Amino acid sequence: MSEYNGWCNYETWAVNLWLSNEEGTYNYWAEQADGAADVYSLSRQLRAEHEDAVPVELDAIGWAADLLGAAMSAVNWEEIARHILEDVADAAPAC
């Protein structure tokens, strides 16, 4: 794997870009991060929700499912979760 735009790989960068580029999605994951117990639990939720969002129709196209599965397995969900948690912490008002 090679680094891409400061992220561990292209797949991780691309998923994070989509998560942070649309206000509603960003706000949803910021809320999820605020209620998360830790990086690991948030990363598991990120992965599960993204895997659940994959269209069922891809199963009918074996090669497409294989390629998407390979890309999804390359995503570093913990790196994204850590980034979201840091963003939420940075945005929190100082006491």
PDB file of N, CA and C in Angstrom:
ATOM      1  N   MET A   1       0.831  -1.183   0.000  1.00  0.00           N
ATOM      2  CA  MET A   1       0.000   0.000   0.000  1.00  0.00           C
ATOM      3  C   MET A   1       0.876   1.248   0.000  1.00  0.00           C
ATOM      4  N   SER A   2       0.405   2.263  -0.683  1.00  0.00           N
ATOM      5  CA  SER A   2       1.148   3.516  -0.689  1.00  0.00           C
ATOM      6  C   SER A   2       0.251   4.636  -0.195  1.00  0.00           C
ATOM      7  N   GLU A   3       0.890   5.616   0.389  1.00  0.00           N
ATOM      8  CA  GLU A   3       0.156   6.750   0.948  1.00  0.00           C
ATOM      9  C   GLU A   3      -0.484   7.569  -0.166  1.00  0.00           C
ATOM     10  N   TYR A   4      -1.632   8.167   0.150  1.00  0.00           N
ATOM     11  CA  TYR A   4      -2.349   8.975  -0.832  1.00  0.00           C
ATOM     12  C   TYR A   4      -2.903  10.224  -0.152  1.00  0.00           C
ATOM     13  N   ASN A   5      -2.427  11.376  -0.556  1.00  0.00           N
ATOM     14  CA  ASN A   5      -2.883  12.666  -0.019  1.00  0.00           C
ATOM     15  C   ASN A   5      -2.906  12.709   1.509  1.00  0.00           C
ATOM     16  N   GLY A   6      -1.917  12.108   2.132  1.00  0.00           N
ATOM     17  CA  GLY A   6      -1.815  12.118   3.586  1.00  0.00           C
ATOM     18  C   GLY A   6      -2.565  10.987   4.277  1.00  0.00           C
ATOM     19  N   TRP A   7      -3.258  10.153   3.519  1.00  0.00           N
ATOM     20  CA  TRP A   7      -3.996   9.012   4.064  1.00  0.00           C
ATOM     21  C   TRP A   7      -3.230   7.746   3.721  1.00  0.00           C
ATOM     22  N   CYS A   8      -3.538   6.660   4.411  1.00  0.00           N
ATOM     23  CA  CYS A   8      -2.761   5.433   4.217  1.00  0.00           C
ATOM     24  C   CYS A   8      -2.901   4.849   2.813  1.00  0.00           C
ATOM     25  N   ASN A   9      -4.010   5.125   2.113  1.00  0.00           N
ATOM     26  CA  ASN A   9      -4.183   4.649   0.739  1.00  0.00           C
ATOM     27  C   ASN A   9      -5.331   5.411   0.070  1.00  0.00           C
ATOM     28  N   TYR A  10      -5.481   5.176  -1.221  1.00  0.00           N
ATOM     29  CA  TYR A  10      -6.524   5.855  -1.991  1.00  0.00           C
ATOM     30  C   TYR A  10      -7.917   5.532  -1.474  1.00  0.00           C
ATOM     31  N   GLU A  11      -8.180   4.260  -1.179  1.00  0.00           N
ATOM     32  CA  GLU A  11      -9.508   3.837  -0.752  1.00  0.00           C
ATOM     33  C   GLU A  11      -9.943   4.563   0.522  1.00  0.00           C
ATOM     34  N   THR A  12      -9.042   4.677   1.468  1.00  0.00           N
ATOM     35  CA  THR A  12      -9.349   5.371   2.725  1.00  0.00           C
ATOM     36  C   THR A  12      -9.581   6.856   2.464  1.00  0.00           C
ATOM     37  N   TRP A  13      -8.734   7.458   1.652  1.00  0.00           N
ATOM     38  CA  TRP A  13      -8.896   8.865   1.295  1.00  0.00           C
ATOM     39  C   TRP A  13     -10.248   9.106   0.635  1.00  0.00           C
ATOM     40  N   ALA A  14     -10.621   8.240  -0.321  1.00  0.00           N
ATOM     41  CA  ALA A  14     -11.867   8.428  -1.068  1.00  0.00           C
ATOM     42  C   ALA A  14     -13.088   8.324  -0.160  1.00  0.00           C
ATOM     43  N   VAL A  15     -13.113   7.343   0.726  1.00  0.00           N
ATOM     44  CA  VAL A  15     -14.256   7.203   1.637  1.00  0.00           C
ATOM     45  C   VAL A  15     -14.336   8.422   2.545  1.00  0.00           C
ATOM     46  N   ASN A  16     -13.202   8.840   3.109  1.00  0.00           N
ATOM     47  CA  ASN A  16     -13.222  10.015   3.979  1.00  0.00           C
ATOM     48  C   ASN A  16     -13.670  11.257   3.229  1.00  0.00           C
ATOM     49  N   LEU A  17     -13.238  11.403   1.979  1.00  0.00           N
ATOM     50  CA  LEU A  17     -13.651  12.553   1.179  1.00  0.00           C
ATOM     51  C   LEU A  17     -15.170  12.595   1.054  1.00  0.00           C
ATOM     52  N   TRP A  18     -15.787  11.458   0.751  1.00  0.00           N
ATOM     53  CA  TRP A  18     -17.249  11.412   0.623  1.00  0.00           C
ATOM     54  C   TRP A  18     -17.933  11.677   1.951  1.00  0.00           C
ATOM     55  N   LEU A  19     -17.342  11.207   3.045  1.00  0.00           N
ATOM     56  CA  LEU A  19     -17.945  11.423   4.366  1.00  0.00           C
ATOM     57  C   LEU A  19     -17.880  12.881   4.790  1.00  0.00           C
ATOM     58  N   SER A  20     -16.808  13.553   4.427  1.00  0.00           N
ATOM     59  CA  SER A  20     -16.617  14.915   4.920  1.00  0.00           C
ATOM     60  C   SER A  20     -17.040  15.987   3.924  1.00  0.00           C
ATOM     61  N   ASN A  21     -17.403  15.601   2.715  1.00  0.00           N
ATOM     62  CA  ASN A  21     -17.684  16.567   1.667  1.00  0.00           C
ATOM     63  C   ASN A  21     -19.154  16.975   1.588  1.00  0.00           C
ATOM     64  N   GLU A  22     -20.022  16.248   2.235  1.00  0.00           N
ATOM     65  CA  GLU A  22     -21.455  16.548   2.201  1.00  0.00           C
ATOM     66  C   GLU A  22     -21.911  16.833   3.620  1.00  0.00           C
ATOM     67  N   GLU A  23     -22.511  17.998   3.839  1.00  0.00           N
ATOM     68  CA  GLU A  23     -22.803  18.476   5.194  1.00  0.00           C
ATOM     69  C   GLU A  23     -23.650  17.509   6.010  1.00  0.00           C
ATOM     70  N   GLY A  24     -24.695  16.963   5.419  1.00  0.00           N
ATOM     71  CA  GLY A  24     -25.558  16.042   6.157  1.00  0.00           C
ATOM     72  C   GLY A  24     -24.824  14.789   6.604  1.00  0.00           C
ATOM     73  N   THR A  25     -24.012  14.246   5.714  1.00  0.00           N
ATOM     74  CA  THR A  25     -23.229  13.052   6.053  1.00  0.00           C
ATOM     75  C   THR A  25     -22.200  13.378   7.123  1.00  0.00           C
ATOM     76  N   TYR A  26     -21.525  14.506   6.966  1.00  0.00           N
ATOM     77  CA  TYR A  26     -20.536  14.914   7.960  1.00  0.00           C
ATOM     78  C   TYR A  26     -21.190  15.083   9.339  1.00  0.00           C
ATOM     79  N   ASN A  27     -22.326  15.757   9.378  1.00  0.00           N
ATOM     80  CA  ASN A  27     -23.020  15.963  10.655  1.00  0.00           C
ATOM     81  C   ASN A  27     -23.466  14.640  11.273  1.00  0.00           C
ATOM     82  N   TYR A  28     -23.942  13.714  10.428  1.00  0.00           N
ATOM     83  CA  TYR A  28     -24.359  12.399  10.932  1.00  0.00           C
ATOM     84  C   TYR A  28     -23.181  11.696  11.617  1.00  0.00           C
ATOM     85  N   TRP A  29     -22.030  11.659  10.938  1.00  0.00           N
ATOM     86  CA  TRP A  29     -20.881  10.957  11.520  1.00  0.00           C
ATOM     87  C   TRP A  29     -20.285  11.721  12.702  1.00  0.00           C
ATOM     88  N   ALA A  30     -20.401  13.034  12.735  1.00  0.00           N
ATOM     89  CA  ALA A  30     -19.964  13.803  13.905  1.00  0.00           C
ATOM     90  C   ALA A  30     -20.832  13.443  15.111  1.00  0.00           C
ATOM     91  N   GLU A  31     -22.140  13.284  14.893  1.00  0.00           N
ATOM     92  CA  GLU A  31     -23.032  12.862  15.979  1.00  0.00           C
ATOM     93  C   GLU A  31     -22.704  11.449  16.442  1.00  0.00           C
ATOM     94  N   GLN A  32     -22.421  10.570  15.484  1.00  0.00           N
ATOM     95  CA  GLN A  32     -22.067   9.190  15.841  1.00  0.00           C
ATOM     96  C   GLN A  32     -20.760   9.174  16.642  1.00  0.00           C
ATOM     97  N   ALA A  33     -19.821  10.006  16.245  1.00  0.00           N
ATOM     98  CA  ALA A  33     -18.538  10.084  16.946  1.00  0.00           C
ATOM     99  C   ALA A  33     -18.720  10.602  18.359  1.00  0.00           C
ATOM    100  N   ASP A  34     -19.634  11.559  18.513  1.00  0.00           N
ATOM    101  CA  ASP A  34     -19.879  12.139  19.829  1.00  0.00           C
ATOM    102  C   ASP A  34     -20.402  11.087  20.809  1.00  0.00           C
ATOM    103  N   GLY A  35     -21.134  10.111  20.300  1.00  0.00           N
ATOM    104  CA  GLY A  35     -21.684   9.067  21.155  1.00  0.00           C
ATOM    105  C   GLY A  35     -20.870   7.786  21.180  1.00  0.00           C
ATOM    106  N   ALA A  36     -19.771   7.745  20.420  1.00  0.00           N
ATOM    107  CA  ALA A  36     -18.965   6.525  20.328  1.00  0.00           C
ATOM    108  C   ALA A  36     -18.124   6.311  21.580  1.00  0.00           C
ATOM    109  N   ALA A  37     -17.963   5.061  21.942  1.00  0.00           N
ATOM    110  CA  ALA A  37     -17.153   4.717  23.112  1.00  0.00           C
ATOM    111  C   ALA A  37     -15.667   4.922  22.836  1.00  0.00           C
ATOM    112  N   ASP A  38     -15.236   4.591  21.612  1.00  0.00           N
ATOM    113  CA  ASP A  38     -13.820   4.692  21.263  1.00  0.00           C
ATOM    114  C   ASP A  38     -13.644   4.592  19.748  1.00  0.00           C
ATOM    115  N   VAL A  39     -12.406   4.682  19.299  1.00  0.00           N
ATOM    116  CA  VAL A  39     -12.091   4.616  17.874  1.00  0.00           C
ATOM    117  C   VAL A  39     -12.560   3.295  17.278  1.00  0.00           C
ATOM    118  N   TYR A  40     -12.326   2.211  17.989  1.00  0.00           N
ATOM    119  CA  TYR A  40     -12.670   0.891  17.469  1.00  0.00           C
ATOM    120  C   TYR A  40     -14.170   0.752  17.239  1.00  0.00           C
ATOM    121  N   SER A  41     -14.985   1.181  18.179  1.00  0.00           N
ATOM    122  CA  SER A  41     -16.434   1.044  18.009  1.00  0.00           C
ATOM    123  C   SER A  41     -16.943   1.923  16.869  1.00  0.00           C
ATOM    124  N   LEU A  42     -16.394   3.131  16.725  1.00  0.00           N
ATOM    125  CA  LEU A  42     -16.801   3.997  15.616  1.00  0.00           C
ATOM    126  C   LEU A  42     -16.356   3.399  14.287  1.00  0.00           C
ATOM    127  N   SER A  43     -15.160   2.826  14.243  1.00  0.00           N
ATOM    128  CA  SER A  43     -14.679   2.238  12.991  1.00  0.00           C
ATOM    129  C   SER A  43     -15.525   1.034  12.590  1.00  0.00           C
ATOM    130  N   ARG A  44     -15.975   0.253  13.557  1.00  0.00           N
ATOM    131  CA  ARG A  44     -16.854  -0.888  13.255  1.00  0.00           C
ATOM    132  C   ARG A  44     -18.192  -0.403  12.715  1.00  0.00           C
ATOM    133  N   GLN A  45     -18.715   0.668  13.274  1.00  0.00           N
ATOM    134  CA  GLN A  45     -19.977   1.226  12.797  1.00  0.00           C
ATOM    135  C   GLN A  45     -19.820   1.785  11.378  1.00  0.00           C
ATOM    136  N   LEU A  46     -18.724   2.502  11.136  1.00  0.00           N
ATOM    137  CA  LEU A  46     -18.450   3.025   9.795  1.00  0.00           C
ATOM    138  C   LEU A  46     -18.431   1.896   8.771  1.00  0.00           C
ATOM    139  N   ARG A  47     -17.676   0.861   9.076  1.00  0.00           N
ATOM    140  CA  ARG A  47     -17.549  -0.261   8.144  1.00  0.00           C
ATOM    141  C   ARG A  47     -18.899  -0.939   7.919  1.00  0.00           C
ATOM    142  N   ALA A  48     -19.620  -1.229   8.993  1.00  0.00           N
ATOM    143  CA  ALA A  48     -20.901  -1.926   8.879  1.00  0.00           C
ATOM    144  C   ALA A  48     -21.899  -1.128   8.052  1.00  0.00           C
ATOM    145  N   GLU A  49     -22.009   0.163   8.319  1.00  0.00           N
ATOM    146  CA  GLU A  49     -22.977   0.977   7.583  1.00  0.00           C
ATOM    147  C   GLU A  49     -22.609   1.116   6.116  1.00  0.00           C
ATOM    148  N   HIS A  50     -21.319   1.168   5.816  1.00  0.00           N
ATOM    149  CA  HIS A  50     -20.910   1.254   4.414  1.00  0.00           C
ATOM    150  C   HIS A  50     -21.080  -0.084   3.694  1.00  0.00           C
ATOM    151  N   GLU A  51     -20.814  -1.171   4.372  1.00  0.00           N
ATOM    152  CA  GLU A  51     -21.041  -2.482   3.761  1.00  0.00           C
ATOM    153  C   GLU A  51     -22.528  -2.714   3.527  1.00  0.00           C
ATOM    154  N   ASP A  52     -23.362  -2.278   4.452  1.00  0.00           N
ATOM    155  CA  ASP A  52     -24.816  -2.425   4.296  1.00  0.00           C
ATOM    156  C   ASP A  52     -25.358  -1.574   3.147  1.00  0.00           C
ATOM    157  N   ALA A  53     -24.659  -0.508   2.794  1.00  0.00           N
ATOM    158  CA  ALA A  53     -25.124   0.399   1.744  1.00  0.00           C
ATOM    159  C   ALA A  53     -24.801  -0.109   0.334  1.00  0.00           C
ATOM    160  N   VAL A  54     -24.004  -1.160   0.234  1.00  0.00           N
ATOM    161  CA  VAL A  54     -23.651  -1.694  -1.079  1.00  0.00           C
ATOM    162  C   VAL A  54     -24.894  -2.325  -1.703  1.00  0.00           C
ATOM    163  N   PRO A  55     -25.232  -1.948  -2.928  1.00  0.00           N
ATOM    164  CA  PRO A  55     -26.435  -2.490  -3.574  1.00  0.00           C
ATOM    165  C   PRO A  55     -26.387  -4.009  -3.741  1.00  0.00           C
ATOM    166  N   VAL A  56     -27.481  -4.660  -3.441  1.00  0.00           N
ATOM    167  CA  VAL A  56     -27.590  -6.114  -3.548  1.00  0.00           C
ATOM    168  C   VAL A  56     -27.360  -6.565  -4.990  1.00  0.00           C
ATOM    169  N   GLU A  57     -27.712  -5.731  -5.955  1.00  0.00           N
ATOM    170  CA  GLU A  57     -27.572  -6.082  -7.360  1.00  0.00           C
ATOM    171  C   GLU A  57     -26.133  -6.422  -7.741  1.00  0.00           C
ATOM    172  N   LEU A  58     -25.165  -5.944  -6.972  1.00  0.00           N
ATOM    173  CA  LEU A  58     -23.771  -6.238  -7.292  1.00  0.00           C
ATOM    174  C   LEU A  58     -23.461  -7.725  -7.165  1.00  0.00           C
ATOM    175  N   ASP A  59     -24.209  -8.439  -6.341  1.00  0.00           N
ATOM    176  CA  ASP A  59     -23.984  -9.875  -6.203  1.00  0.00           C
ATOM    177  C   ASP A  59     -24.207 -10.600  -7.527  1.00  0.00           C
ATOM    178  N   ALA A  60     -25.052 -10.047  -8.379  1.00  0.00           N
ATOM    179  CA  ALA A  60     -25.327 -10.657  -9.682  1.00  0.00           C
ATOM    180  C   ALA A  60     -24.172 -10.433 -10.655  1.00  0.00           C
ATOM    181  N   ILE A  61     -23.336  -9.470 -10.370  1.00  0.00           N
ATOM    182  CA  ILE A  61     -22.187  -9.179 -11.235  1.00  0.00           C
ATOM    183  C   ILE A  61     -20.938  -9.546 -10.442  1.00  0.00           C
ATOM    184  N   GLY A  62     -20.532 -10.782 -10.550  1.00  0.00           N
ATOM    185  CA  GLY A  62     -19.440 -11.321  -9.738  1.00  0.00           C
ATOM    186  C   GLY A  62     -18.174 -10.494  -9.735  1.00  0.00           C
ATOM    187  N   TRP A  63     -17.710 -10.092 -10.919  1.00  0.00           N
ATOM    188  CA  TRP A  63     -16.459  -9.355 -10.975  1.00  0.00           C
ATOM    189  C   TRP A  63     -16.579  -7.992 -10.298  1.00  0.00           C
ATOM    190  N   ALA A  64     -17.746  -7.347 -10.428  1.00  0.00           N
ATOM    191  CA  ALA A  64     -17.937  -6.034  -9.800  1.00  0.00           C
ATOM    192  C   ALA A  64     -17.953  -6.180  -8.282  1.00  0.00           C
ATOM    193  N   ALA A  65     -18.613  -7.227  -7.801  1.00  0.00           N
ATOM    194  CA  ALA A  65     -18.648  -7.476  -6.356  1.00  0.00           C
ATOM    195  C   ALA A  65     -17.246  -7.770  -5.833  1.00  0.00           C
ATOM    196  N   ASP A  66     -16.470  -8.526  -6.587  1.00  0.00           N
ATOM    197  CA  ASP A  66     -15.095  -8.831  -6.174  1.00  0.00           C
ATOM    198  C   ASP A  66     -14.243  -7.573  -6.089  1.00  0.00           C
ATOM    199  N   LEU A  67     -14.363  -6.705  -7.106  1.00  0.00           N
ATOM    200  CA  LEU A  67     -13.569  -5.477  -7.100  1.00  0.00           C
ATOM    201  C   LEU A  67     -13.979  -4.531  -5.983  1.00  0.00           C
ATOM    202  N   LEU A  68     -15.294  -4.386  -5.781  1.00  0.00           N
ATOM    203  CA  LEU A  68     -15.757  -3.515  -4.706  1.00  0.00           C
ATOM    204  C   LEU A  68     -15.359  -4.093  -3.350  1.00  0.00           C
ATOM    205  N   GLY A  69     -15.470  -5.402  -3.205  1.00  0.00           N
ATOM    206  CA  GLY A  69     -15.066  -6.041  -1.952  1.00  0.00           C
ATOM    207  C   GLY A  69     -13.595  -5.816  -1.647  1.00  0.00           C
ATOM    208  N   ALA A  70     -12.767  -5.896  -2.681  1.00  0.00           N
ATOM    209  CA  ALA A  70     -11.331  -5.659  -2.496  1.00  0.00           C
ATOM    210  C   ALA A  70     -11.068  -4.214  -2.071  1.00  0.00           C
ATOM    211  N   ALA A  71     -11.765  -3.280  -2.710  1.00  0.00           N
ATOM    212  CA  ALA A  71     -11.587  -1.865  -2.352  1.00  0.00           C
ATOM    213  C   ALA A  71     -12.075  -1.600  -0.936  1.00  0.00           C
ATOM    214  N   MET A  72     -13.221  -2.171  -0.572  1.00  0.00           N
ATOM    215  CA  MET A  72     -13.764  -1.961   0.776  1.00  0.00           C
ATOM    216  C   MET A  72     -12.834  -2.553   1.837  1.00  0.00           C
ATOM    217  N   SER A  73     -12.207  -3.678   1.529  1.00  0.00           N
ATOM    218  CA  SER A  73     -11.314  -4.284   2.520  1.00  0.00           C
ATOM    219  C   SER A  73     -10.012  -3.502   2.669  1.00  0.00           C
ATOM    220  N   ALA A  74      -9.691  -2.666   1.686  1.00  0.00           N
ATOM    221  CA  ALA A  74      -8.478  -1.850   1.768  1.00  0.00           C
ATOM    222  C   ALA A  74      -8.685  -0.576   2.589  1.00  0.00           C
ATOM    223  N   VAL A  75      -9.939  -0.212   2.840  1.00  0.00           N
ATOM    224  CA  VAL A  75     -10.222   1.008   3.601  1.00  0.00           C
ATOM    225  C   VAL A  75      -9.765   0.820   5.050  1.00  0.00           C
ATOM    226  N   ASN A  76      -9.040   1.796   5.553  1.00  0.00           N
ATOM    227  CA  ASN A  76      -8.613   1.782   6.949  1.00  0.00           C
ATOM    228  C   ASN A  76      -9.673   2.537   7.763  1.00  0.00           C
ATOM    229  N   TRP A  77     -10.664   1.789   8.232  1.00  0.00           N
ATOM    230  CA  TRP A  77     -11.800   2.381   8.936  1.00  0.00           C
ATOM    231  C   TRP A  77     -11.379   3.051  10.239  1.00  0.00           C
ATOM    232  N   GLU A  78     -10.345   2.506  10.893  1.00  0.00           N
ATOM    233  CA  GLU A  78      -9.867   3.114  12.141  1.00  0.00           C
ATOM    234  C   GLU A  78      -9.230   4.469  11.881  1.00  0.00           C
ATOM    235  N   GLU A  79      -8.526   4.617  10.771  1.00  0.00           N
ATOM    236  CA  GLU A  79      -7.930   5.920  10.442  1.00  0.00           C
ATOM    237  C   GLU A  79      -9.032   6.963  10.230  1.00  0.00           C
ATOM    238  N   ILE A  80     -10.093   6.579   9.542  1.00  0.00           N
ATOM    239  CA  ILE A  80     -11.208   7.502   9.321  1.00  0.00           C
ATOM    240  C   ILE A  80     -11.889   7.831  10.642  1.00  0.00           C
ATOM    241  N   ALA A  81     -12.128   6.822  11.464  1.00  0.00           N
ATOM    242  CA  ALA A  81     -12.773   7.045  12.767  1.00  0.00           C
ATOM    243  C   ALA A  81     -11.933   7.980  13.631  1.00  0.00           C
ATOM    244  N   ARG A  82     -10.628   7.768  13.648  1.00  0.00           N
ATOM    245  CA  ARG A  82      -9.736   8.630  14.418  1.00  0.00           C
ATOM    246  C   ARG A  82      -9.837  10.074  13.932  1.00  0.00           C
ATOM    247  N   HIS A  83      -9.864  10.243  12.616  1.00  0.00           N
ATOM    248  CA  HIS A  83      -9.968  11.581  12.024  1.00  0.00           C
ATOM    249  C   HIS A  83     -11.286  12.257  12.420  1.00  0.00           C
ATOM    250  N   ILE A  84     -12.382  11.526  12.358  1.00  0.00           N
ATOM    251  CA  ILE A  84     -13.688  12.086  12.730  1.00  0.00           C
ATOM    252  C   ILE A  84     -13.694  12.479  14.203  1.00  0.00           C
ATOM    253  N   LEU A  85     -13.173  11.607  15.055  1.00  0.00           N
ATOM    254  CA  LEU A  85     -13.127  11.907  16.495  1.00  0.00           C
ATOM    255  C   LEU A  85     -12.285  13.139  16.774  1.00  0.00           C
ATOM    256  N   GLU A  86     -11.175  13.284  16.063  1.00  0.00           N
ATOM    257  CA  GLU A  86     -10.328  14.467  16.244  1.00  0.00           C
ATOM    258  C   GLU A  86     -11.051  15.730  15.785  1.00  0.00           C
ATOM    259  N   ASP A  87     -11.780  15.644  14.664  1.00  0.00           N
ATOM    260  CA  ASP A  87     -12.549  16.795  14.186  1.00  0.00           C
ATOM    261  C   ASP A  87     -13.597  17.219  15.211  1.00  0.00           C
ATOM    262  N   VAL A  88     -14.284  16.239  15.788  1.00  0.00           N
ATOM    263  CA  VAL A  88     -15.324  16.521  16.773  1.00  0.00           C
ATOM    264  C   VAL A  88     -14.705  17.165  18.022  1.00  0.00           C
ATOM    265  N   ALA A  89     -13.555  16.631  18.443  1.00  0.00           N
ATOM    266  CA  ALA A  89     -12.877  17.191  19.621  1.00  0.00           C
ATOM    267  C   ALA A  89     -12.396  18.620  19.358  1.00  0.00           C
ATOM    268  N   ASP A  90     -11.892  18.866  18.155  1.00  0.00           N
ATOM    269  CA  ASP A  90     -11.424  20.208  17.803  1.00  0.00           C
ATOM    270  C   ASP A  90     -12.551  21.211  17.727  1.00  0.00           C
ATOM    271  N   ALA A  91     -13.742  20.728  17.343  1.00  0.00           N
ATOM    272  CA  ALA A  91     -14.905  21.628  17.192  1.00  0.00           C
ATOM    273  C   ALA A  91     -15.624  21.884  18.510  1.00  0.00           C
ATOM    274  N   ALA A  92     -15.310  21.099  19.531  1.00  0.00           N
ATOM    275  CA  ALA A  92     -15.984  21.248  20.825  1.00  0.00           C
ATOM    276  C   ALA A  92     -15.588  22.589  21.453  1.00  0.00           C
ATOM    277  N   PRO A  93     -16.562  23.265  22.056  1.00  0.00           N
ATOM    278  CA  PRO A  93     -16.243  24.549  22.702  1.00  0.00           C
ATOM    279  C   PRO A  93     -15.334  24.334  23.914  1.00  0.00           C
ATOM    280  N   ALA A  94     -14.422  25.252  24.091  1.00  0.00           N
ATOM    281  CA  ALA A  94     -13.509  25.185  25.236  1.00  0.00           C
ATOM    282  C   ALA A  94     -14.276  25.550  26.519  1.00  0.00           C
ATOM    283  N   CYS A  95     -13.913  24.902  27.597  1.00  0.00           N
ATOM    284  CA  CYS A  95     -14.582  25.172  28.884  1.00  0.00           C
ATOM    285  C   CYS A  95     -13.909  26.301  29.608  1.00  0.00           C
TER     286      CYS A  95
END
